[in-house]
């Protein structure tokens, strides 16, 4: 049968593991203030979809009068 050996964990790895989440948190907060997205293309796309939807509904209403 194989013998089981225990691995030792040095104290330096536990301190670096604890300090890394703090570093990522500070980095995460600093990048959130710099994040400034540009939504102009999205706004124009939504306006275009709205105009198309309104025109299709208008066409359907007009066609419903002719079909009756």
C-alpha atoms as a PDB file:
ATOM      1  CA  UNK A   1       0.000   0.000   0.000  1.00  0.00           C
ATOM      2  CA  UNK A   2       1.168   3.518  -0.672  1.00  0.00           C
ATOM      3  CA  UNK A   3       1.997   5.772   2.183  1.00  0.00           C
ATOM      4  CA  UNK A   4       0.149   9.052   2.556  1.00  0.00           C
ATOM      5  CA  UNK A   5       2.203  12.180   2.898  1.00  0.00           C
ATOM      6  CA  UNK A   6       0.978  15.547   4.042  1.00  0.00           C
ATOM      7  CA  UNK A   7       1.978  18.608   2.127  1.00  0.00           C
ATOM      8  CA  UNK A   8       3.066  21.667   4.006  1.00  0.00           C
ATOM      9  CA  UNK A   9       1.706  25.009   3.004  1.00  0.00           C
ATOM     10  CA  UNK A  10       4.046  27.881   3.607  1.00  0.00           C
ATOM     11  CA  UNK A  11       2.758  31.028   5.288  1.00  0.00           C
ATOM     12  CA  UNK A  12       3.708  33.228   2.334  1.00  0.00           C
ATOM     13  CA  UNK A  13       1.216  31.665  -0.038  1.00  0.00           C
ATOM     14  CA  UNK A  14      -1.682  32.310   2.321  1.00  0.00           C
ATOM     15  CA  UNK A  15      -0.767  35.969   2.746  1.00  0.00           C
ATOM     16  CA  UNK A  16      -0.466  36.522  -1.009  1.00  0.00           C
ATOM     17  CA  UNK A  17      -3.763  34.750  -1.561  1.00  0.00           C
ATOM     18  CA  UNK A  18      -5.407  37.098   0.916  1.00  0.00           C
ATOM     19  CA  UNK A  19      -3.801  40.229  -0.531  1.00  0.00           C
ATOM     20  CA  UNK A  20      -4.754  39.464  -4.132  1.00  0.00           C
ATOM     21  CA  UNK A  21      -8.547  39.868  -3.703  1.00  0.00           C
ATOM     22  CA  UNK A  22      -7.971  43.278  -2.127  1.00  0.00           C
ATOM     23  CA  UNK A  23      -5.842  44.308  -5.087  1.00  0.00           C
ATOM     24  CA  UNK A  24      -8.517  43.199  -7.531  1.00  0.00           C
ATOM     25  CA  UNK A  25     -11.191  45.056  -5.592  1.00  0.00           C
ATOM     26  CA  UNK A  26      -9.274  48.307  -5.708  1.00  0.00           C
ATOM     27  CA  UNK A  27      -8.601  47.774  -9.388  1.00  0.00           C
ATOM     28  CA  UNK A  28     -12.266  47.032 -10.011  1.00  0.00           C
ATOM     29  CA  UNK A  29     -13.365  50.261  -8.338  1.00  0.00           C
ATOM     30  CA  UNK A  30     -10.818  52.376 -10.183  1.00  0.00           C
ATOM     31  CA  UNK A  31     -11.878  51.017 -13.582  1.00  0.00           C
ATOM     32  CA  UNK A  32     -15.559  51.549 -12.853  1.00  0.00           C
ATOM     33  CA  UNK A  33     -15.011  55.298 -12.634  1.00  0.00           C
ATOM     34  CA  UNK A  34     -13.146  55.265 -15.962  1.00  0.00           C
ATOM     35  CA  UNK A  35     -15.825  53.243 -17.801  1.00  0.00           C
ATOM     36  CA  UNK A  36     -17.785  55.614 -20.003  1.00  0.00           C
ATOM     37  CA  UNK A  37     -19.634  53.730 -22.768  1.00  0.00           C
ATOM     38  CA  UNK A  38     -20.918  55.389 -25.922  1.00  0.00           C
ATOM     39  CA  UNK A  39     -24.536  54.444 -26.640  1.00  0.00           C
ATOM     40  CA  UNK A  40     -25.148  56.598 -29.718  1.00  0.00           C
ATOM     41  CA  UNK A  41     -25.298  53.621 -32.096  1.00  0.00           C
ATOM     42  CA  UNK A  42     -27.674  51.787 -29.769  1.00  0.00           C
ATOM     43  CA  UNK A  43     -29.957  54.817 -29.517  1.00  0.00           C
ATOM     44  CA  UNK A  44     -30.103  55.212 -33.286  1.00  0.00           C
ATOM     45  CA  UNK A  45     -30.804  51.500 -33.687  1.00  0.00           C
ATOM     46  CA  UNK A  46     -33.656  51.625 -31.165  1.00  0.00           C
ATOM     47  CA  UNK A  47     -35.141  54.682 -32.878  1.00  0.00           C
ATOM     48  CA  UNK A  48     -34.968  52.882 -36.203  1.00  0.00           C
ATOM     49  CA  UNK A  49     -36.701  49.817 -34.747  1.00  0.00           C
ATOM     50  CA  UNK A  50     -39.411  52.049 -33.257  1.00  0.00           C
ATOM     51  CA  UNK A  51     -40.052  53.816 -36.553  1.00  0.00           C
ATOM     52  CA  UNK A  52     -40.226  50.516 -38.421  1.00  0.00           C
ATOM     53  CA  UNK A  53     -42.609  49.013 -35.845  1.00  0.00           C
ATOM     54  CA  UNK A  54     -44.884  52.061 -35.952  1.00  0.00           C
ATOM     55  CA  UNK A  55     -44.945  52.050 -39.753  1.00  0.00           C
ATOM     56  CA  UNK A  56     -45.757  48.324 -39.893  1.00  0.00           C
ATOM     57  CA  UNK A  57     -48.592  48.735 -37.400  1.00  0.00           C
ATOM     58  CA  UNK A  58     -49.945  51.682 -39.381  1.00  0.00           C
ATOM     59  CA  UNK A  59     -49.793  49.660 -42.601  1.00  0.00           C
ATOM     60  CA  UNK A  60     -51.626  46.757 -40.928  1.00  0.00           C
ATOM     61  CA  UNK A  61     -54.373  49.055 -39.641  1.00  0.00           C
ATOM     62  CA  UNK A  62     -54.836  50.638 -43.078  1.00  0.00           C
ATOM     63  CA  UNK A  63     -54.921  47.222 -44.760  1.00  0.00           C
ATOM     64  CA  UNK A  64     -57.497  45.970 -42.256  1.00  0.00           C
ATOM     65  CA  UNK A  65     -59.926  48.703 -43.447  1.00  0.00           C
ATOM     66  CA  UNK A  66     -59.501  47.622 -47.056  1.00  0.00           C
ATOM     67  CA  UNK A  67     -59.956  43.945 -46.313  1.00  0.00           C
ATOM     68  CA  UNK A  68     -63.248  44.385 -44.464  1.00  0.00           C
END
